[in-house]
C-alpha atoms as a PDB file:
ATOM      1  CA  MET A   1      17.942 -14.383  59.972  1.00  0.00           C
ATOM      2  CA  GLN A   2      15.243 -12.726  58.200  1.00  0.00           C
ATOM      3  CA  ARG A   3      15.510  -9.199  57.302  1.00  0.00           C
ATOM      4  CA  SER A   4      12.322  -6.802  58.562  1.00  0.00           C
ATOM      5  CA  PHE A   5      11.193  -4.200  56.066  1.00  0.00           C
ATOM      6  CA  PRO A   6       9.743  -0.784  57.562  1.00  0.00           C
ATOM      7  CA  PHE A   7       7.110  -1.195  54.561  1.00  0.00           C
ATOM      8  CA  SER A   8       5.170  -3.283  52.365  1.00  0.00           C
ATOM      9  CA  PHE A   9       6.693  -5.523  50.031  1.00  0.00           C
ATOM     10  CA  PRO A  10       4.295  -5.732  47.567  1.00  0.00           C
ATOM     11  CA  GLY A  11       4.064  -1.970  47.330  1.00  0.00           C
ATOM     12  CA  ALA A  12       7.664  -1.634  47.028  1.00  0.00           C
ATOM     13  CA  LEU A  13       7.827  -3.906  44.050  1.00  0.00           C
ATOM     14  CA  ARG A  14       5.022  -2.022  41.847  1.00  0.00           C
ATOM     15  CA  ALA A  15       6.864   1.014  42.963  1.00  0.00           C
ATOM     16  CA  GLY A  16      10.428  -0.278  41.946  1.00  0.00           C
ATOM     17  CA  LEU A  17       8.969  -1.504  38.310  1.00  0.00           C
ATOM     18  CA  LEU A  18       7.293   2.289  37.963  1.00  0.00           C
ATOM     19  CA  ALA A  19      10.211   3.670  38.643  1.00  0.00           C
ATOM     20  CA  LEU A  20      12.350   1.355  35.966  1.00  0.00           C
ATOM     21  CA  GLY A  21       9.390   1.888  33.361  1.00  0.00           C
ATOM     22  CA  THR A  22       9.903   5.840  33.743  1.00  0.00           C
ATOM     23  CA  LEU A  23      13.749   5.556  33.361  1.00  0.00           C
ATOM     24  CA  LEU A  24      13.138   3.363  30.452  1.00  0.00           C
ATOM     25  CA  ALA A  25      10.521   5.874  28.933  1.00  0.00           C
ATOM     26  CA  ALA A  26      12.265   8.889  29.457  1.00  0.00           C
ATOM     27  CA  GLY A  27      15.508   6.945  27.444  1.00  0.00           C
ATOM     28  CA  CYS A  28      13.477   6.043  24.612  1.00  0.00           C
ATOM     29  CA  GLN A  29      12.178  10.070  24.201  1.00  0.00           C
ATOM     30  CA  LYS A  30      15.976  10.721  24.036  1.00  0.00           C
ATOM     31  CA  HIS A  31      16.989   8.044  21.644  1.00  0.00           C
ATOM     32  CA  GLU A  32      19.195   6.345  24.606  1.00  0.00           C
ATOM     33  CA  VAL A  33      19.758   3.633  26.576  1.00  0.00           C
ATOM     34  CA  PRO A  34      19.532   4.399  30.504  1.00  0.00           C
ATOM     35  CA  GLN A  35      23.258   2.859  31.412  1.00  0.00           C
ATOM     36  CA  ALA A  36      22.159   3.092  35.350  1.00  0.00           C
ATOM     37  CA  LEU A  37      19.003   0.691  34.818  1.00  0.00           C
ATOM     38  CA  ALA A  38      21.577  -2.027  33.129  1.00  0.00           C
ATOM     39  CA  GLU A  39      24.509  -1.255  35.678  1.00  0.00           C
ATOM     40  CA  ALA A  40      22.470  -1.502  39.106  1.00  0.00           C
ATOM     41  CA  PRO A  41      21.676  -4.891  40.520  1.00  0.00           C
ATOM     42  CA  ALA A  42      18.313  -6.576  40.219  1.00  0.00           C
ATOM     43  CA  SER A  43      18.818  -7.024  44.421  1.00  0.00           C
ATOM     44  CA  ALA A  44      20.043  -2.951  44.708  1.00  0.00           C
ATOM     45  CA  ARG A  45      16.671  -2.053  42.749  1.00  0.00           C
ATOM     46  CA  LEU A  46      14.103  -4.492  45.318  1.00  0.00           C
ATOM     47  CA  ALA A  47      15.769  -5.157  48.145  1.00  0.00           C
ATOM     48  CA  GLY A  48      13.455  -3.510  51.026  1.00  0.00           C
ATOM     49  CA  GLY A  49      11.926  -1.218  48.493  1.00  0.00           C
ATOM     50  CA  ALA A  50      14.531   0.861  49.178  1.00  0.00           C
ATOM     51  CA  ALA A  51      15.932   3.211  46.609  1.00  0.00           C
ATOM     52  CA  ALA A  52      19.781   2.370  45.964  1.00  0.00           C
ATOM     53  CA  PRO A  53      21.799   5.494  45.179  1.00  0.00           C
ATOM     54  CA  ALA A  54      22.224   6.077  41.697  1.00  0.00           C
ATOM     55  CA  GLU A  55      25.936   5.933  40.118  1.00  0.00           C
ATOM     56  CA  PRO A  56      27.190   8.753  38.322  1.00  0.00           C
ATOM     57  CA  ALA A  57      25.607   9.351  35.139  1.00  0.00           C
ATOM     58  CA  ARG A  58      28.195   8.659  32.504  1.00  0.00           C
ATOM     59  CA  ALA A  59      28.438  11.955  30.441  1.00  0.00           C
ATOM     60  CA  ARG A  60      26.235  12.352  27.013  1.00  0.00           C
ATOM     61  CA  GLU A  61      27.656  12.828  23.848  1.00  0.00           C
ATOM     62  CA  ASP A  62      26.316  15.688  21.772  1.00  0.00           C
ATOM     63  CA  SER A  63      23.045  15.396  20.201  1.00  0.00           C
ATOM     64  CA  ALA A  64      24.349  16.279  17.301  1.00  0.00           C
ATOM     65  CA  ALA A  65      27.123  13.225  17.454  1.00  0.00           C
ATOM     66  CA  GLU A  66      23.966  11.010  18.738  1.00  0.00           C
ATOM     67  CA  ALA A  67      21.779  11.733  15.090  1.00  0.00           C
ATOM     68  CA  PRO A  68      22.356   8.658  12.996  1.00  0.00           C
ATOM     69  CA  ALA A  69      24.520   9.044   9.569  1.00  0.00           C
ATOM     70  CA  GLU A  70      22.005   6.429   7.465  1.00  0.00           C
ATOM     71  CA  ARG A  71      19.037   7.904   6.198  1.00  0.00           C
ATOM     72  CA  PHE A  72      15.719   5.818   5.691  1.00  0.00           C
ATOM     73  CA  LEU A  73      13.719   6.740   2.796  1.00  0.00           C
ATOM     74  CA  ALA A  74      10.755   4.955   1.418  1.00  0.00           C
ATOM     75  CA  VAL A  75      11.254   5.215  -2.977  1.00  0.00           C
ATOM     76  CA  ARG A  76       8.672   4.647  -5.248  1.00  0.00           C
ATOM     77  CA  HIS A  77       8.771   4.833  -9.155  1.00  0.00           C
ATOM     78  CA  ASP A  78       5.489   4.957 -10.838  1.00  0.00           C
ATOM     79  CA  LEU A  79       6.343   4.281 -14.869  1.00  0.00           C
ATOM     80  CA  SER A  80       3.925   4.455 -18.282  1.00  0.00           C
ATOM     81  CA  VAL A  81       5.407   2.796 -21.386  1.00  0.00           C
ATOM     82  CA  GLU A  82       4.290   2.172 -24.487  1.00  0.00           C
ATOM     83  CA  VAL A  83       4.825  -1.078 -26.752  1.00  0.00           C
ATOM     84  CA  ALA A  84       3.806  -1.539 -30.329  1.00  0.00           C
ATOM     85  CA  PRO A  85       0.397  -3.911 -30.604  1.00  0.00           C
ATOM     86  CA  ASP A  86       1.500  -7.330 -31.085  1.00  0.00           C
ATOM     87  CA  ARG A  87       5.058  -6.998 -28.903  1.00  0.00           C
ATOM     88  CA  LEU A  88       3.074  -6.021 -25.711  1.00  0.00           C
ATOM     89  CA  PRO A  89       2.543  -9.504 -24.195  1.00  0.00           C
ATOM     90  CA  GLU A  90       6.359 -10.107 -25.450  1.00  0.00           C
ATOM     91  CA  ALA A  91       7.942  -7.173 -23.416  1.00  0.00           C
ATOM     92  CA  TRP A  92       5.660  -7.687 -20.329  1.00  0.00           C
ATOM     93  CA  THR A  93       7.049 -10.964 -20.265  1.00  0.00           C
ATOM     94  CA  SER A  94      10.674  -9.556 -20.753  1.00  0.00           C
ATOM     95  CA  VAL A  95      10.283  -7.512 -17.840  1.00  0.00           C
ATOM     96  CA  ARG A  96       8.879 -10.275 -15.719  1.00  0.00           C
ATOM     97  CA  GLU A  97      11.386 -12.716 -16.340  1.00  0.00           C
ATOM     98  CA  LEU A  98      14.335  -9.817 -15.702  1.00  0.00           C
ATOM     99  CA  CYS A  99      12.889  -9.144 -12.240  1.00  0.00           C
ATOM    100  CA  GLY A 100      13.110 -13.508 -11.664  1.00  0.00           C
ATOM    101  CA  THR A 101      17.243 -12.870 -12.227  1.00  0.00           C
ATOM    102  CA  LEU A 102      17.532  -9.659  -9.987  1.00  0.00           C
ATOM    103  CA  ARG A 103      17.061  -9.345  -6.477  1.00  0.00           C
ATOM    104  CA  CYS A 104      13.497  -8.709  -7.056  1.00  0.00           C
ATOM    105  CA  GLU A 105       9.713  -9.655  -5.048  1.00  0.00           C
ATOM    106  CA  LEU A 106       7.223  -9.497  -8.078  1.00  0.00           C
ATOM    107  CA  LEU A 107       3.893  -8.713  -6.078  1.00  0.00           C
ATOM    108  CA  SER A 108       1.368  -8.704  -8.713  1.00  0.00           C
ATOM    109  CA  SER A 109       0.952  -8.909 -12.442  1.00  0.00           C
ATOM    110  CA  SER A 110      -1.833  -8.382 -15.031  1.00  0.00           C
ATOM    111  CA  LEU A 111      -2.067  -8.933 -18.941  1.00  0.00           C
ATOM    112  CA  GLN A 112      -5.131  -8.204 -20.943  1.00  0.00           C
ATOM    113  CA  ARG A 113      -4.242  -9.378 -24.461  1.00  0.00           C
ATOM    114  CA  GLU A 114      -5.700  -6.942 -27.618  1.00  0.00           C
ATOM    115  CA  THR A 115      -9.272  -7.979 -28.710  1.00  0.00           C
ATOM    116  CA  ALA A 116     -11.772  -6.582 -31.274  1.00  0.00           C
ATOM    117  CA  GLN A 117     -13.595  -4.403 -28.879  1.00  0.00           C
ATOM    118  CA  GLN A 118     -10.685  -3.095 -26.410  1.00  0.00           C
ATOM    119  CA  ALA A 119      -6.613  -2.235 -26.892  1.00  0.00           C
ATOM    120  CA  GLY A 120      -4.463  -4.613 -24.753  1.00  0.00           C
ATOM    121  CA  ALA A 121      -2.649  -3.250 -21.704  1.00  0.00           C
ATOM    122  CA  ALA A 122      -0.406  -5.080 -18.847  1.00  0.00           C
ATOM    123  CA  SER A 123       1.283  -4.014 -15.368  1.00  0.00           C
ATOM    124  CA  LEU A 124       3.666  -5.590 -13.278  1.00  0.00           C
ATOM    125  CA  GLU A 125       4.540  -4.259  -9.532  1.00  0.00           C
ATOM    126  CA  MET A 126       7.938  -5.206  -8.034  1.00  0.00           C
ATOM    127  CA  ARG A 127       9.912  -4.552  -5.009  1.00  0.00           C
ATOM    128  CA  VAL A 128      13.514  -4.099  -5.848  1.00  0.00           C
ATOM    129  CA  LEU A 129      16.927  -3.507  -3.913  1.00  0.00           C
ATOM    130  CA  PRO A 130      18.194  -0.342  -4.543  1.00  0.00           C
ATOM    131  CA  ALA A 131      21.397  -2.094  -6.245  1.00  0.00           C
ATOM    132  CA  ASP A 132      19.225  -3.614  -8.824  1.00  0.00           C
ATOM    133  CA  VAL A 133      16.587  -0.904  -9.319  1.00  0.00           C
ATOM    134  CA  ASP A 134      19.143   0.853 -12.575  1.00  0.00           C
ATOM    135  CA  ARG A 135      19.291  -2.792 -14.039  1.00  0.00           C
ATOM    136  CA  LEU A 136      15.353  -3.029 -13.959  1.00  0.00           C
ATOM    137  CA  LEU A 137      15.058   0.272 -15.588  1.00  0.00           C
ATOM    138  CA  GLY A 138      17.580  -0.538 -18.250  1.00  0.00           C
ATOM    139  CA  GLY A 139      15.885  -3.567 -19.233  1.00  0.00           C
ATOM    140  CA  LEU A 140      12.445  -1.901 -19.290  1.00  0.00           C
ATOM    141  CA  ALA A 141      13.882   0.685 -21.830  1.00  0.00           C
ATOM    142  CA  GLY A 142      15.168  -1.600 -24.139  1.00  0.00           C
ATOM    143  CA  VAL A 143      12.094  -3.618 -25.005  1.00  0.00           C
ATOM    144  CA  ALA A 144       9.651  -0.505 -24.268  1.00  0.00           C
ATOM    145  CA  GLN A 145       9.780   3.323 -24.642  1.00  0.00           C
ATOM    146  CA  VAL A 146       9.183   5.177 -21.047  1.00  0.00           C
ATOM    147  CA  VAL A 147       6.729   7.442 -21.557  1.00  0.00           C
ATOM    148  CA  GLN A 148       6.658   8.492 -17.852  1.00  0.00           C
ATOM    149  CA  HIS A 149       8.766   7.925 -15.069  1.00  0.00           C
ATOM    150  CA  ASP A 150       7.354   9.677 -11.365  1.00  0.00           C
ATOM    151  CA  THR A 151       9.747   9.026  -8.583  1.00  0.00           C
ATOM    152  CA  THR A 152       8.499   9.906  -4.779  1.00  0.00           C
ATOM    153  CA  SER A 153      10.816   9.710  -1.669  1.00  0.00           C
ATOM    154  CA  GLU A 154       9.706   9.529   1.860  1.00  0.00           C
ATOM    155  CA  ASP A 155      11.809  10.021   4.753  1.00  0.00           C
ATOM    156  CA  LYS A 156      11.510   7.466   7.291  1.00  0.00           C
ATOM    157  CA  THR A 157      14.466   8.199   9.064  1.00  0.00           C
ATOM    158  CA  ALA A 158      12.804   9.536  12.134  1.00  0.00           C
ATOM    159  CA  GLU A 159      10.300   6.944  12.603  1.00  0.00           C
ATOM    160  CA  VAL A 160      12.946   3.800  12.533  1.00  0.00           C
ATOM    161  CA  VAL A 161      15.329   5.472  15.158  1.00  0.00           C
ATOM    162  CA  ASP A 162      12.050   6.199  17.617  1.00  0.00           C
ATOM    163  CA  VAL A 163      11.467   2.241  17.013  1.00  0.00           C
ATOM    164  CA  GLU A 164      14.898   0.789  17.705  1.00  0.00           C
ATOM    165  CA  ALA A 165      15.216   3.348  20.381  1.00  0.00           C
ATOM    166  CA  HIS A 166      12.096   1.627  22.114  1.00  0.00           C
ATOM    167  CA  ILE A 167      13.160  -1.788  21.078  1.00  0.00           C
ATOM    168  CA  ARG A 168      16.927  -1.311  22.974  1.00  0.00           C
ATOM    169  CA  ASN A 169      14.897   0.213  25.954  1.00  0.00           C
ATOM    170  CA  ARG A 170      12.238  -2.491  26.388  1.00  0.00           C
ATOM    171  CA  THR A 171      14.827  -5.342  25.664  1.00  0.00           C
ATOM    172  CA  GLU A 172      16.962  -4.068  28.613  1.00  0.00           C
ATOM    173  CA  PHE A 173      14.201  -3.695  30.771  1.00  0.00           C
ATOM    174  CA  ARG A 174      12.646  -7.239  30.082  1.00  0.00           C
ATOM    175  CA  ASP A 175      15.992  -8.821  31.092  1.00  0.00           C
ATOM    176  CA  SER A 176      15.760  -6.781  33.980  1.00  0.00           C
ATOM    177  CA  LEU A 177      12.709  -8.229  34.740  1.00  0.00           C
ATOM    178  CA  ARG A 178      14.271 -11.772  33.821  1.00  0.00           C
ATOM    179  CA  ALA A 179      17.198 -11.037  36.420  1.00  0.00           C
ATOM    180  CA  MET A 180      14.783 -10.284  39.223  1.00  0.00           C
ATOM    181  CA  LEU A 181      12.562 -13.705  38.719  1.00  0.00           C
ATOM    182  CA  ALA A 182      16.310 -15.422  38.441  1.00  0.00           C
ATOM    183  CA  ASP A 183      17.541 -13.847  41.613  1.00  0.00           C
ATOM    184  CA  LYS A 184      17.053 -16.068  44.284  1.00  0.00           C
ATOM    185  CA  SER A 185      19.263 -13.874  46.833  1.00  0.00           C
ATOM    186  CA  VAL A 186      16.085 -12.352  47.573  1.00  0.00           C
ATOM    187  CA  LYS A 187      12.880 -13.876  49.062  1.00  0.00           C
ATOM    188  CA  ARG A 188      10.007 -13.157  47.333  1.00  0.00           C
ATOM    189  CA  GLU A 189       6.140 -13.147  47.931  1.00  0.00           C
ATOM    190  CA  MET A 190       4.169 -15.457  45.410  1.00  0.00           C
ATOM    191  CA  SER A 191       2.309 -12.034  44.695  1.00  0.00           C
ATOM    192  CA  ASP A 192       5.483 -10.147  43.893  1.00  0.00           C
ATOM    193  CA  LEU A 193       6.274 -13.007  41.563  1.00  0.00           C
ATOM    194  CA  LEU A 194       3.101 -12.517  39.695  1.00  0.00           C
ATOM    195  CA  GLU A 195       3.593  -9.110  39.445  1.00  0.00           C
ATOM    196  CA  ILE A 196       7.115  -9.218  38.214  1.00  0.00           C
ATOM    197  CA  GLN A 197       5.577 -12.272  35.562  1.00  0.00           C
ATOM    198  CA  ARG A 198       2.627  -9.832  34.471  1.00  0.00           C
ATOM    199  CA  THR A 199       4.884  -6.929  33.762  1.00  0.00           C
ATOM    200  CA  LEU A 200       7.525  -8.846  32.159  1.00  0.00           C
ATOM    201  CA  ALA A 201       4.374 -10.724  29.768  1.00  0.00           C
ATOM    202  CA  ASP A 202       3.238  -6.887  28.794  1.00  0.00           C
ATOM    203  CA  THR A 203       6.598  -5.637  28.151  1.00  0.00           C
ATOM    204  CA  GLN A 204       7.242  -8.983  25.724  1.00  0.00           C
ATOM    205  CA  ALA A 205       4.044  -8.011  24.004  1.00  0.00           C
ATOM    206  CA  ASP A 206       5.245  -4.553  23.286  1.00  0.00           C
ATOM    207  CA  LEU A 207       8.742  -5.459  21.980  1.00  0.00           C
ATOM    208  CA  ASP A 208       7.006  -7.958  19.745  1.00  0.00           C
ATOM    209  CA  SER A 209       4.723  -5.315  18.440  1.00  0.00           C
ATOM    210  CA  SER A 210       7.619  -2.772  17.925  1.00  0.00           C
ATOM    211  CA  ALA A 211       9.711  -5.636  16.366  1.00  0.00           C
ATOM    212  CA  THR A 212       6.674  -6.021  13.798  1.00  0.00           C
ATOM    213  CA  ARG A 213       6.561  -2.612  12.928  1.00  0.00           C
ATOM    214  CA  ARG A 214      10.594  -2.390  12.199  1.00  0.00           C
ATOM    215  CA  LYS A 215       9.902  -5.228   9.951  1.00  0.00           C
ATOM    216  CA  ILE A 216       7.794  -3.082   7.750  1.00  0.00           C
ATOM    217  CA  LEU A 217       9.774  -0.200   7.819  1.00  0.00           C
ATOM    218  CA  ALA A 218      12.532  -2.497   6.721  1.00  0.00           C
ATOM    219  CA  GLN A 219      10.680  -3.249   3.693  1.00  0.00           C
ATOM    220  CA  GLN A 220       9.753  -0.056   3.233  1.00  0.00           C
ATOM    221  CA  THR A 221      13.195   1.154   3.480  1.00  0.00           C
ATOM    222  CA  GLY A 222      15.386  -1.207   2.482  1.00  0.00           C
ATOM    223  CA  VAL A 223      13.648  -1.958  -1.248  1.00  0.00           C
ATOM    224  CA  GLN A 224      12.265   0.418  -3.912  1.00  0.00           C
ATOM    225  CA  HIS A 225       8.643  -0.152  -4.812  1.00  0.00           C
ATOM    226  CA  VAL A 226       8.634  -0.318  -9.130  1.00  0.00           C
ATOM    227  CA  GLN A 227       4.943  -0.307 -10.747  1.00  0.00           C
ATOM    228  CA  VAL A 228       5.049  -0.350 -14.581  1.00  0.00           C
ATOM    229  CA  ARG A 229       2.001   0.537 -17.213  1.00  0.00           C
ATOM    230  CA  PHE A 230       2.115  -1.046 -20.411  1.00  0.00           C
ATOM    231  CA  ALA A 231      -0.228   0.493 -23.566  1.00  0.00           C
ATOM    232  CA  PRO A 232       0.333   0.112 -26.820  1.00  0.00           C
ATOM    233  CA  THR A 233       1.821   2.645 -29.179  1.00  0.00           C
ATOM    234  CA  ARG A 234      -0.707   5.111 -29.673  1.00  0.00           C
ATOM    235  CA  ALA A 235      -0.311   6.915 -33.658  1.00  0.00           C
ATOM    236  CA  LEU A 236      -0.930  10.818 -33.290  1.00  0.00           C
ATOM    237  CA  VAL A 237      -2.862  12.429 -36.029  1.00  0.00           C
ATOM    238  CA  GLN A 238      -1.182  15.503 -37.280  1.00  0.00           C
ATOM    239  CA  GLY A 239      -4.176  17.873 -37.534  1.00  0.00           C
ATOM    240  CA  ALA A 240      -2.196  21.015 -38.491  1.00  0.00           C
ATOM    241  CA  ARG A 241      -0.858  19.536 -41.889  1.00  0.00           C
ATOM    242  CA  THR A 242      -4.659  18.639 -43.328  1.00  0.00           C
ATOM    243  CA  GLY A 243      -6.022  22.229 -43.138  1.00  0.00           C
ATOM    244  CA  PRO A 244      -9.561  23.500 -43.070  1.00  0.00           C
ATOM    245  CA  ILE A 245     -10.308  21.720 -45.777  1.00  0.00           C
ATOM    246  CA  GLY A 246      -8.897  18.488 -44.327  1.00  0.00           C
ATOM    247  CA  ARG A 247     -11.159  18.928 -40.952  1.00  0.00           C
ATOM    248  CA  ALA A 248     -14.093  19.802 -42.892  1.00  0.00           C
ATOM    249  CA  MET A 249     -14.371  16.648 -44.992  1.00  0.00           C
ATOM    250  CA  ARG A 250     -14.245  14.645 -41.569  1.00  0.00           C
ATOM    251  CA  GLU A 251     -16.708  16.737 -39.891  1.00  0.00           C
ATOM    252  CA  ALA A 252     -18.916  16.028 -42.994  1.00  0.00           C
ATOM    253  CA  GLY A 253     -17.973  12.214 -42.603  1.00  0.00           C
ATOM    254  CA  GLU A 254     -18.898  12.446 -39.423  1.00  0.00           C
ATOM    255  CA  VAL A 255     -21.866  14.284 -39.779  1.00  0.00           C
ATOM    256  CA  LEU A 256     -23.135  11.788 -42.747  1.00  0.00           C
ATOM    257  CA  ALA A 257     -22.264   9.031 -40.497  1.00  0.00           C
ATOM    258  CA  GLY A 258     -24.061  10.684 -37.429  1.00  0.00           C
ATOM    259  CA  SER A 259     -27.321  10.854 -40.077  1.00  0.00           C
ATOM    260  CA  VAL A 260     -27.402   6.914 -41.268  1.00  0.00           C
ATOM    261  CA  ALA A 261     -26.949   6.007 -38.236  1.00  0.00           C
ATOM    262  CA  ALA A 262     -30.240   8.167 -36.652  1.00  0.00           C
ATOM    263  CA  LEU A 263     -31.751   6.620 -39.825  1.00  0.00           C
ATOM    264  CA  ILE A 264     -30.901   3.040 -39.258  1.00  0.00           C
ATOM    265  CA  THR A 265     -32.144   3.488 -35.726  1.00  0.00           C
ATOM    266  CA  PHE A 266     -35.648   5.305 -36.924  1.00  0.00           C
ATOM    267  CA  VAL A 267     -36.528   2.327 -39.023  1.00  0.00           C
ATOM    268  CA  ALA A 268     -35.333  -0.477 -36.536  1.00  0.00           C
ATOM    269  CA  ALA A 269     -37.780   1.724 -34.151  1.00  0.00           C
ATOM    270  CA  VAL A 270     -40.493   1.729 -36.812  1.00  0.00           C
ATOM    271  CA  LEU A 271     -40.364  -1.424 -38.865  1.00  0.00           C
ATOM    272  CA  PRO A 272     -41.915  -3.676 -35.857  1.00  0.00           C
ATOM    273  CA  TRP A 273     -45.355  -1.155 -36.367  1.00  0.00           C
ATOM    274  CA  ALA A 274     -45.230  -1.299 -39.508  1.00  0.00           C
ATOM    275  CA  VAL A 275     -45.823  -4.678 -39.741  1.00  0.00           C
ATOM    276  CA  VAL A 276     -48.763  -5.022 -37.418  1.00  0.00           C
ATOM    277  CA  ALA A 277     -50.047  -1.257 -39.234  1.00  0.00           C
ATOM    278  CA  VAL A 278     -50.270  -2.350 -42.620  1.00  0.00           C
ATOM    279  CA  PRO A 279     -52.624  -5.191 -42.154  1.00  0.00           C
ATOM    280  CA  LEU A 280     -54.983  -3.546 -40.251  1.00  0.00           C
ATOM    281  CA  PHE A 281     -55.541  -0.277 -42.378  1.00  0.00           C
ATOM    282  CA  TRP A 282     -55.540  -2.653 -45.302  1.00  0.00           C
ATOM    283  CA  GLY A 283     -58.315  -4.393 -43.737  1.00  0.00           C
ATOM    284  CA  LEU A 284     -60.228  -1.421 -42.691  1.00  0.00           C
ATOM    285  CA  GLY A 285     -60.140   0.063 -46.252  1.00  0.00           C
ATOM    286  CA  VAL A 286     -61.914  -3.225 -47.588  1.00  0.00           C
ATOM    287  CA  LEU A 287     -64.551  -2.993 -44.531  1.00  0.00           C
ATOM    288  CA  ALA A 288     -65.171   0.655 -45.365  1.00  0.00           C
ATOM    289  CA  ARG A 289     -65.362  -0.341 -49.423  1.00  0.00           C
ATOM    290  CA  ALA A 290     -67.847  -2.712 -48.517  1.00  0.00           C
ATOM    291  CA  TRP A 291     -69.984  -1.314 -46.416  1.00  0.00           C
ATOM    292  CA  ARG A 292     -70.394   2.072 -49.217  1.00  0.00           C
ATOM    293  CA  ARG A 293     -71.238  -0.286 -51.702  1.00  0.00           C
ATOM    294  CA  ARG A 294     -74.220  -2.205 -49.756  1.00  0.00           C
ATOM    295  CA  ARG A 295     -75.390   1.432 -48.461  1.00  0.00           C
ATOM    296  CA  ALA A 296     -75.568   2.481 -52.169  1.00  0.00           C
ATOM    297  CA  ARG A 297     -77.609  -0.680 -52.944  1.00  0.00           C
ATOM    298  CA  ARG A 298     -79.840  -0.017 -50.475  1.00  0.00           C
ATOM    299  CA  THR A 299     -80.457   3.810 -51.662  1.00  0.00           C
ATOM    300  CA  GLY A 300     -80.973   2.556 -55.185  1.00  0.00           C
ATOM    301  CA  ALA A 301     -83.462   0.235 -53.973  1.00  0.00           C
END
């Protein structure tokens, strides 16, 4: 015997799904999983479109007790090190190989050897588990001199808790929709089944997006980002020990070198014109003398 309903079933189905989504959204904002949704049977949520009496809400724990004890921090280390120019490639290779022996992921590496025109340089970018960061920094200090070490930390705890709560609630909502489809005790029209499947697909897509976001947060908080820049050791000039005379001598040498450089530039600029101008002026002089002699002969005649 079929049961009659006082209103249309598709409208009741949409109303039930909307109510479920509202309950789950409210639970996500409070970082809690709604218990009534998991405990209520699927037939009670959709049968006849009538809302089933909700069970008494369980006692909530204090908000301070719900706060997670674990903190999720995104830590970054930026280091600048100096090493002797002839040992720079060796130091870079040593740290790179040390990363391979630790729980360390090499993201990028660069090595520029010293030439006559430019000094050598190198860099390494890594992701290291917190337990192995000290070993990596200790190995780095053994082959190079750390001249600068900057550490930054960003708290991602609230974002991680929000994403995890959203994943729990959407997972429960998805399981409830699957239970509706699997429940054969309630006769549903094809439009009702399509509505449930469409909502299930949207929920699964949202759940996959949140799972991807959680993986990205795990990469940021589960490991520490370490970037090392290698540079050759620089020799500092002790100008205070040379005195005014030494500084004057250095400045005089720089001025003399600048003047010689300007002279060389001037000669290089004038020389091509001189090659053309000298023969030209010499030829004009010869022609002028010949013309004067000829004129003198005519005058005498």
